[in-house]
Amino acid sequence: MNVRSSFLQLGISWILRIGVVLSVIFEASGLLLNYFQTGSTSLGFTDQSLWRVRGGNFFDFAYSTAGSVFAGITAVELVSLGIATLMFTPYFRVIAAVFYYSVEKDWKYAAITVFVFAVITTALFVF
């Protein structure tokens, strides 16, 4: 294993670590904000906040979450941002793996990873 290969593998592992940590930070912040605002430990989902979860696909959910966070941060938006971050983490990891296998010129695994990327993308558009 050469230095470039180990550097790329380390980068891929950090993508997973950072994604999970950011997700936990967003979700915990949202729950704490909700507790300080309402005194309750349960999130009160209104019809306005639930429409993001019920309809559309994941990319619509992520786009509307990002837009609502920039409009004003509420507890529901922070928790939604945490969920979106957690779901994007393996997605970005697969993108990094395609890059890694391409740099290593391991075309068999690059092709397999591109297939996995296509499956994940399709699933996120459908569900």
N, C-alpha and C. Protein backbone atom coordinates (compact mmCIF):
# COMPACT_ATOMS: atom_id res chain seq x y z
N MET A 1 0.85 -1.17 0.00
CA MET A 1 0.00 0.00 0.00
C MET A 1 0.90 1.23 0.00
N ASN A 2 0.66 2.11 -0.94
CA ASN A 2 1.48 3.31 -1.01
C ASN A 2 0.84 4.46 -0.21
N VAL A 3 1.57 5.56 -0.16
CA VAL A 3 1.13 6.70 0.65
C VAL A 3 -0.17 7.29 0.11
N ARG A 4 -0.29 7.39 -1.21
CA ARG A 4 -1.50 7.96 -1.82
C ARG A 4 -2.71 7.11 -1.48
N SER A 5 -2.56 5.79 -1.53
CA SER A 5 -3.66 4.89 -1.24
C SER A 5 -4.11 5.01 0.21
N SER A 6 -3.15 5.04 1.12
CA SER A 6 -3.53 5.15 2.54
C SER A 6 -4.14 6.51 2.84
N PHE A 7 -3.66 7.57 2.16
CA PHE A 7 -4.24 8.90 2.34
C PHE A 7 -5.70 8.92 1.87
N LEU A 8 -5.99 8.29 0.74
CA LEU A 8 -7.36 8.26 0.23
C LEU A 8 -8.26 7.43 1.14
N GLN A 9 -7.75 6.31 1.64
CA GLN A 9 -8.55 5.50 2.56
C GLN A 9 -8.83 6.25 3.85
N LEU A 10 -7.86 6.99 4.32
CA LEU A 10 -8.06 7.79 5.52
C LEU A 10 -9.12 8.87 5.28
N GLY A 11 -9.08 9.48 4.10
CA GLY A 11 -10.09 10.48 3.75
C GLY A 11 -11.49 9.90 3.71
N ILE A 12 -11.62 8.70 3.18
CA ILE A 12 -12.93 8.04 3.13
C ILE A 12 -13.43 7.74 4.54
N SER A 13 -12.54 7.29 5.41
CA SER A 13 -12.97 7.00 6.78
C SER A 13 -13.38 8.28 7.51
N TRP A 14 -12.71 9.39 7.22
CA TRP A 14 -13.07 10.66 7.87
C TRP A 14 -14.41 11.17 7.38
N ILE A 15 -14.77 10.87 6.15
CA ILE A 15 -16.10 11.25 5.65
C ILE A 15 -17.17 10.63 6.53
N LEU A 16 -17.01 9.36 6.85
CA LEU A 16 -17.99 8.69 7.70
C LEU A 16 -18.01 9.27 9.11
N ARG A 17 -16.84 9.49 9.68
CA ARG A 17 -16.77 10.03 11.03
C ARG A 17 -17.40 11.42 11.11
N ILE A 18 -17.01 12.29 10.20
CA ILE A 18 -17.52 13.67 10.22
C ILE A 18 -19.02 13.69 10.00
N GLY A 19 -19.51 12.87 9.07
CA GLY A 19 -20.95 12.84 8.80
C GLY A 19 -21.76 12.41 10.00
N VAL A 20 -21.30 11.38 10.69
CA VAL A 20 -22.04 10.90 11.86
C VAL A 20 -21.97 11.92 13.00
N VAL A 21 -20.81 12.49 13.23
CA VAL A 21 -20.67 13.48 14.31
C VAL A 21 -21.52 14.72 14.02
N LEU A 22 -21.48 15.22 12.80
CA LEU A 22 -22.31 16.38 12.45
C LEU A 22 -23.80 16.07 12.62
N SER A 23 -24.20 14.88 12.21
CA SER A 23 -25.59 14.48 12.35
C SER A 23 -26.02 14.48 13.81
N VAL A 24 -25.18 13.91 14.67
CA VAL A 24 -25.51 13.88 16.10
C VAL A 24 -25.57 15.29 16.67
N ILE A 25 -24.64 16.15 16.24
CA ILE A 25 -24.64 17.53 16.74
C ILE A 25 -25.92 18.25 16.32
N PHE A 26 -26.31 18.12 15.05
CA PHE A 26 -27.53 18.78 14.57
C PHE A 26 -28.77 18.26 15.31
N GLU A 27 -28.87 16.94 15.44
CA GLU A 27 -30.06 16.38 16.07
C GLU A 27 -30.11 16.71 17.56
N ALA A 28 -28.98 16.60 18.25
CA ALA A 28 -28.96 16.94 19.68
C ALA A 28 -29.25 18.42 19.89
N SER A 29 -28.71 19.28 19.02
CA SER A 29 -28.98 20.71 19.12
C SER A 29 -30.46 21.00 18.91
N GLY A 30 -31.06 20.32 17.95
CA GLY A 30 -32.48 20.51 17.71
C GLY A 30 -33.33 20.07 18.88
N LEU A 31 -32.97 18.95 19.47
CA LEU A 31 -33.72 18.48 20.64
C LEU A 31 -33.53 19.39 21.84
N LEU A 32 -32.30 19.87 22.05
CA LEU A 32 -32.06 20.82 23.15
C LEU A 32 -32.78 22.14 22.93
N LEU A 33 -32.74 22.63 21.70
CA LEU A 33 -33.46 23.88 21.38
C LEU A 33 -34.95 23.71 21.63
N ASN A 34 -35.48 22.58 21.22
CA ASN A 34 -36.90 22.31 21.46
C ASN A 34 -37.20 22.28 22.96
N TYR A 35 -36.33 21.65 23.73
CA TYR A 35 -36.54 21.57 25.18
C TYR A 35 -36.51 22.95 25.82
N PHE A 36 -35.54 23.79 25.41
CA PHE A 36 -35.44 25.12 26.00
C PHE A 36 -36.60 26.03 25.57
N GLN A 37 -37.13 25.81 24.37
CA GLN A 37 -38.23 26.64 23.89
C GLN A 37 -39.58 26.21 24.45
N THR A 38 -39.78 24.89 24.57
CA THR A 38 -41.10 24.39 24.95
C THR A 38 -41.14 23.74 26.32
N GLY A 39 -39.99 23.34 26.85
CA GLY A 39 -39.97 22.60 28.11
C GLY A 39 -40.36 21.15 27.95
N SER A 40 -40.52 20.71 26.71
CA SER A 40 -40.93 19.34 26.43
C SER A 40 -39.78 18.60 25.74
N THR A 41 -39.74 17.29 25.97
CA THR A 41 -38.70 16.49 25.32
C THR A 41 -39.17 15.91 24.00
N SER A 42 -40.43 16.12 23.64
CA SER A 42 -40.91 15.59 22.37
C SER A 42 -41.02 16.73 21.36
N LEU A 43 -40.64 16.41 20.13
CA LEU A 43 -40.75 17.40 19.06
C LEU A 43 -42.20 17.49 18.62
N GLY A 44 -42.69 18.69 18.51
CA GLY A 44 -44.05 18.88 18.04
C GLY A 44 -44.06 19.11 16.55
N PHE A 45 -44.33 18.05 15.81
CA PHE A 45 -44.40 18.18 14.36
C PHE A 45 -45.77 18.73 13.99
N THR A 46 -45.77 19.82 13.26
CA THR A 46 -47.02 20.41 12.78
C THR A 46 -47.26 19.92 11.37
N ASP A 47 -48.41 20.24 10.84
CA ASP A 47 -48.69 19.86 9.46
C ASP A 47 -47.69 20.48 8.50
N GLN A 48 -47.22 21.68 8.82
CA GLN A 48 -46.25 22.36 7.97
C GLN A 48 -44.91 21.64 7.97
N SER A 49 -44.47 21.11 9.11
CA SER A 49 -43.18 20.44 9.17
C SER A 49 -43.28 18.99 8.69
N LEU A 50 -44.45 18.39 8.79
CA LEU A 50 -44.60 16.99 8.37
C LEU A 50 -44.66 16.82 6.86
N TRP A 51 -45.01 17.85 6.12
CA TRP A 51 -45.14 17.68 4.67
C TRP A 51 -43.81 17.28 4.06
N ARG A 52 -42.70 17.72 4.67
CA ARG A 52 -41.39 17.35 4.15
C ARG A 52 -41.13 15.86 4.29
N VAL A 53 -41.64 15.26 5.33
CA VAL A 53 -41.38 13.85 5.58
C VAL A 53 -42.30 12.96 4.73
N ARG A 54 -43.51 13.39 4.51
CA ARG A 54 -44.49 12.55 3.82
C ARG A 54 -44.35 12.53 2.30
N GLY A 55 -44.04 13.65 1.69
CA GLY A 55 -44.11 13.71 0.25
C GLY A 55 -42.75 13.89 -0.40
N GLY A 56 -42.71 13.67 -1.70
CA GLY A 56 -41.49 13.90 -2.45
C GLY A 56 -40.46 12.81 -2.22
N ASN A 57 -39.25 13.11 -2.64
CA ASN A 57 -38.15 12.17 -2.47
C ASN A 57 -37.13 12.77 -1.51
N PHE A 58 -36.05 12.03 -1.28
CA PHE A 58 -35.06 12.49 -0.32
C PHE A 58 -34.40 13.79 -0.74
N PHE A 59 -34.15 13.96 -2.04
CA PHE A 59 -33.50 15.18 -2.49
C PHE A 59 -34.41 16.39 -2.29
N ASP A 60 -35.71 16.21 -2.48
CA ASP A 60 -36.67 17.29 -2.17
C ASP A 60 -36.64 17.61 -0.67
N PHE A 61 -36.60 16.56 0.14
CA PHE A 61 -36.52 16.73 1.60
C PHE A 61 -35.26 17.51 1.98
N ALA A 62 -34.10 17.10 1.42
CA ALA A 62 -32.84 17.77 1.74
C ALA A 62 -32.85 19.22 1.27
N TYR A 63 -33.38 19.46 0.08
CA TYR A 63 -33.43 20.82 -0.47
C TYR A 63 -34.34 21.72 0.37
N SER A 64 -35.51 21.20 0.73
CA SER A 64 -36.43 22.02 1.54
C SER A 64 -35.88 22.23 2.95
N THR A 65 -35.16 21.23 3.47
CA THR A 65 -34.55 21.39 4.79
C THR A 65 -33.47 22.47 4.76
N ALA A 66 -32.62 22.42 3.74
CA ALA A 66 -31.57 23.43 3.63
C ALA A 66 -32.18 24.82 3.47
N GLY A 67 -33.22 24.93 2.67
CA GLY A 67 -33.88 26.23 2.48
C GLY A 67 -34.51 26.75 3.74
N SER A 68 -35.13 25.86 4.51
CA SER A 68 -35.78 26.32 5.73
C SER A 68 -34.77 26.66 6.82
N VAL A 69 -33.62 26.00 6.81
CA VAL A 69 -32.58 26.33 7.80
C VAL A 69 -32.05 27.74 7.54
N PHE A 70 -31.88 28.10 6.27
CA PHE A 70 -31.39 29.44 5.96
C PHE A 70 -32.45 30.50 6.21
N ALA A 71 -33.71 30.11 6.20
CA ALA A 71 -34.78 31.07 6.47
C ALA A 71 -34.92 31.35 7.97
N GLY A 72 -34.55 30.41 8.78
CA GLY A 72 -34.64 30.56 10.23
C GLY A 72 -34.56 29.21 10.89
N ILE A 73 -33.70 29.09 11.87
CA ILE A 73 -33.47 27.78 12.47
C ILE A 73 -34.48 27.54 13.59
N THR A 74 -35.18 26.42 13.47
CA THR A 74 -36.06 25.95 14.53
C THR A 74 -35.60 24.55 14.93
N ALA A 75 -36.20 24.02 15.95
CA ALA A 75 -35.82 22.69 16.42
C ALA A 75 -36.08 21.62 15.36
N VAL A 76 -37.22 21.72 14.70
CA VAL A 76 -37.56 20.73 13.68
C VAL A 76 -36.57 20.80 12.51
N GLU A 77 -36.17 22.01 12.12
CA GLU A 77 -35.21 22.14 11.03
C GLU A 77 -33.85 21.56 11.40
N LEU A 78 -33.42 21.75 12.64
CA LEU A 78 -32.14 21.19 13.07
C LEU A 78 -32.18 19.66 13.07
N VAL A 79 -33.26 19.08 13.56
CA VAL A 79 -33.37 17.63 13.55
C VAL A 79 -33.45 17.12 12.11
N SER A 80 -34.19 17.81 11.27
CA SER A 80 -34.27 17.43 9.85
C SER A 80 -32.91 17.53 9.18
N LEU A 81 -32.15 18.56 9.51
CA LEU A 81 -30.80 18.71 8.97
C LEU A 81 -29.91 17.56 9.43
N GLY A 82 -30.07 17.12 10.66
CA GLY A 82 -29.31 15.98 11.16
C GLY A 82 -29.66 14.70 10.41
N ILE A 83 -30.94 14.51 10.13
CA ILE A 83 -31.36 13.33 9.38
C ILE A 83 -30.81 13.37 7.96
N ALA A 84 -30.89 14.53 7.32
CA ALA A 84 -30.36 14.67 5.96
C ALA A 84 -28.85 14.43 5.94
N THR A 85 -28.14 14.96 6.93
CA THR A 85 -26.69 14.76 7.01
C THR A 85 -26.36 13.28 7.18
N LEU A 86 -27.11 12.61 8.04
CA LEU A 86 -26.87 11.19 8.26
C LEU A 86 -27.13 10.37 7.00
N MET A 87 -28.15 10.75 6.24
CA MET A 87 -28.45 10.01 5.02
C MET A 87 -27.46 10.32 3.90
N PHE A 88 -26.93 11.54 3.86
CA PHE A 88 -25.95 11.88 2.84
C PHE A 88 -24.57 11.30 3.12
N THR A 89 -24.29 10.92 4.35
CA THR A 89 -22.96 10.43 4.71
C THR A 89 -22.54 9.21 3.89
N PRO A 90 -23.33 8.13 3.82
CA PRO A 90 -22.89 7.01 2.98
C PRO A 90 -22.89 7.36 1.49
N TYR A 91 -23.75 8.29 1.11
CA TYR A 91 -23.80 8.73 -0.29
C TYR A 91 -22.46 9.36 -0.68
N PHE A 92 -21.96 10.27 0.16
CA PHE A 92 -20.66 10.89 -0.11
C PHE A 92 -19.51 9.89 0.01
N ARG A 93 -19.67 8.90 0.88
CA ARG A 93 -18.65 7.87 1.01
C ARG A 93 -18.54 7.06 -0.27
N VAL A 94 -19.66 6.76 -0.91
CA VAL A 94 -19.64 6.02 -2.17
C VAL A 94 -19.00 6.87 -3.27
N ILE A 95 -19.29 8.15 -3.29
CA ILE A 95 -18.64 9.04 -4.27
C ILE A 95 -17.14 9.04 -4.06
N ALA A 96 -16.70 9.11 -2.81
CA ALA A 96 -15.27 9.08 -2.51
C ALA A 96 -14.66 7.73 -2.91
N ALA A 97 -15.40 6.65 -2.73
CA ALA A 97 -14.88 5.33 -3.11
C ALA A 97 -14.73 5.21 -4.62
N VAL A 98 -15.66 5.80 -5.38
CA VAL A 98 -15.51 5.81 -6.85
C VAL A 98 -14.24 6.55 -7.22
N PHE A 99 -14.00 7.68 -6.60
CA PHE A 99 -12.78 8.44 -6.85
C PHE A 99 -11.55 7.62 -6.46
N TYR A 100 -11.60 6.98 -5.29
CA TYR A 100 -10.47 6.18 -4.81
C TYR A 100 -10.13 5.05 -5.78
N TYR A 101 -11.13 4.27 -6.19
CA TYR A 101 -10.87 3.14 -7.09
C TYR A 101 -10.43 3.62 -8.47
N SER A 102 -10.90 4.78 -8.89
CA SER A 102 -10.46 5.33 -10.17
C SER A 102 -9.01 5.77 -10.10
N VAL A 103 -8.61 6.41 -9.01
CA VAL A 103 -7.22 6.83 -8.85
C VAL A 103 -6.30 5.61 -8.79
N GLU A 104 -6.77 4.56 -8.13
CA GLU A 104 -5.98 3.33 -8.01
C GLU A 104 -6.03 2.49 -9.29
N LYS A 105 -6.85 2.91 -10.24
CA LYS A 105 -7.04 2.20 -11.50
C LYS A 105 -7.53 0.76 -11.30
N ASP A 106 -8.35 0.60 -10.28
CA ASP A 106 -8.99 -0.68 -10.00
C ASP A 106 -10.39 -0.61 -10.62
N TRP A 107 -10.45 -0.88 -11.92
CA TRP A 107 -11.67 -0.62 -12.69
C TRP A 107 -12.81 -1.55 -12.31
N LYS A 108 -12.49 -2.74 -11.87
CA LYS A 108 -13.54 -3.67 -11.46
C LYS A 108 -14.31 -3.10 -10.27
N TYR A 109 -13.59 -2.68 -9.23
CA TYR A 109 -14.26 -2.13 -8.06
C TYR A 109 -14.82 -0.74 -8.32
N ALA A 110 -14.21 0.00 -9.22
CA ALA A 110 -14.77 1.30 -9.60
C ALA A 110 -16.14 1.09 -10.25
N ALA A 111 -16.25 0.09 -11.12
CA ALA A 111 -17.52 -0.20 -11.78
C ALA A 111 -18.57 -0.68 -10.77
N ILE A 112 -18.16 -1.53 -9.85
CA ILE A 112 -19.09 -2.00 -8.82
C ILE A 112 -19.58 -0.83 -7.97
N THR A 113 -18.67 0.07 -7.62
CA THR A 113 -19.04 1.21 -6.79
C THR A 113 -19.92 2.19 -7.55
N VAL A 114 -19.69 2.36 -8.84
CA VAL A 114 -20.58 3.20 -9.65
C VAL A 114 -21.98 2.59 -9.67
N PHE A 115 -22.05 1.26 -9.75
CA PHE A 115 -23.35 0.59 -9.71
C PHE A 115 -24.04 0.85 -8.37
N VAL A 116 -23.30 0.73 -7.28
CA VAL A 116 -23.86 1.00 -5.95
C VAL A 116 -24.32 2.45 -5.87
N PHE A 117 -23.54 3.37 -6.41
CA PHE A 117 -23.92 4.78 -6.44
C PHE A 117 -25.23 4.97 -7.20
N ALA A 118 -25.37 4.29 -8.34
CA ALA A 118 -26.61 4.40 -9.13
C ALA A 118 -27.80 3.85 -8.36
N VAL A 119 -27.61 2.74 -7.66
CA VAL A 119 -28.69 2.16 -6.88
C VAL A 119 -29.11 3.08 -5.74
N ILE A 120 -28.13 3.64 -5.02
CA ILE A 120 -28.44 4.55 -3.92
C ILE A 120 -29.15 5.80 -4.43
N THR A 121 -28.66 6.35 -5.54
CA THR A 121 -29.27 7.55 -6.11
C THR A 121 -30.72 7.27 -6.52
N THR A 122 -30.94 6.14 -7.17
CA THR A 122 -32.29 5.77 -7.58
C THR A 122 -33.21 5.61 -6.37
N ALA A 123 -32.70 4.94 -5.34
CA ALA A 123 -33.51 4.74 -4.13
C ALA A 123 -33.84 6.08 -3.47
N LEU A 124 -32.90 7.01 -3.45
CA LEU A 124 -33.19 8.29 -2.82
C LEU A 124 -34.16 9.12 -3.65
N PHE A 125 -34.20 8.91 -4.96
CA PHE A 125 -35.18 9.62 -5.78
C PHE A 125 -36.56 8.99 -5.66
N VAL A 126 -36.62 7.69 -5.49
CA VAL A 126 -37.91 7.00 -5.44
C VAL A 126 -38.58 7.15 -4.08
N PHE A 127 -37.81 7.05 -3.03
CA PHE A 127 -38.41 7.03 -1.69
C PHE A 127 -38.35 8.36 -1.06
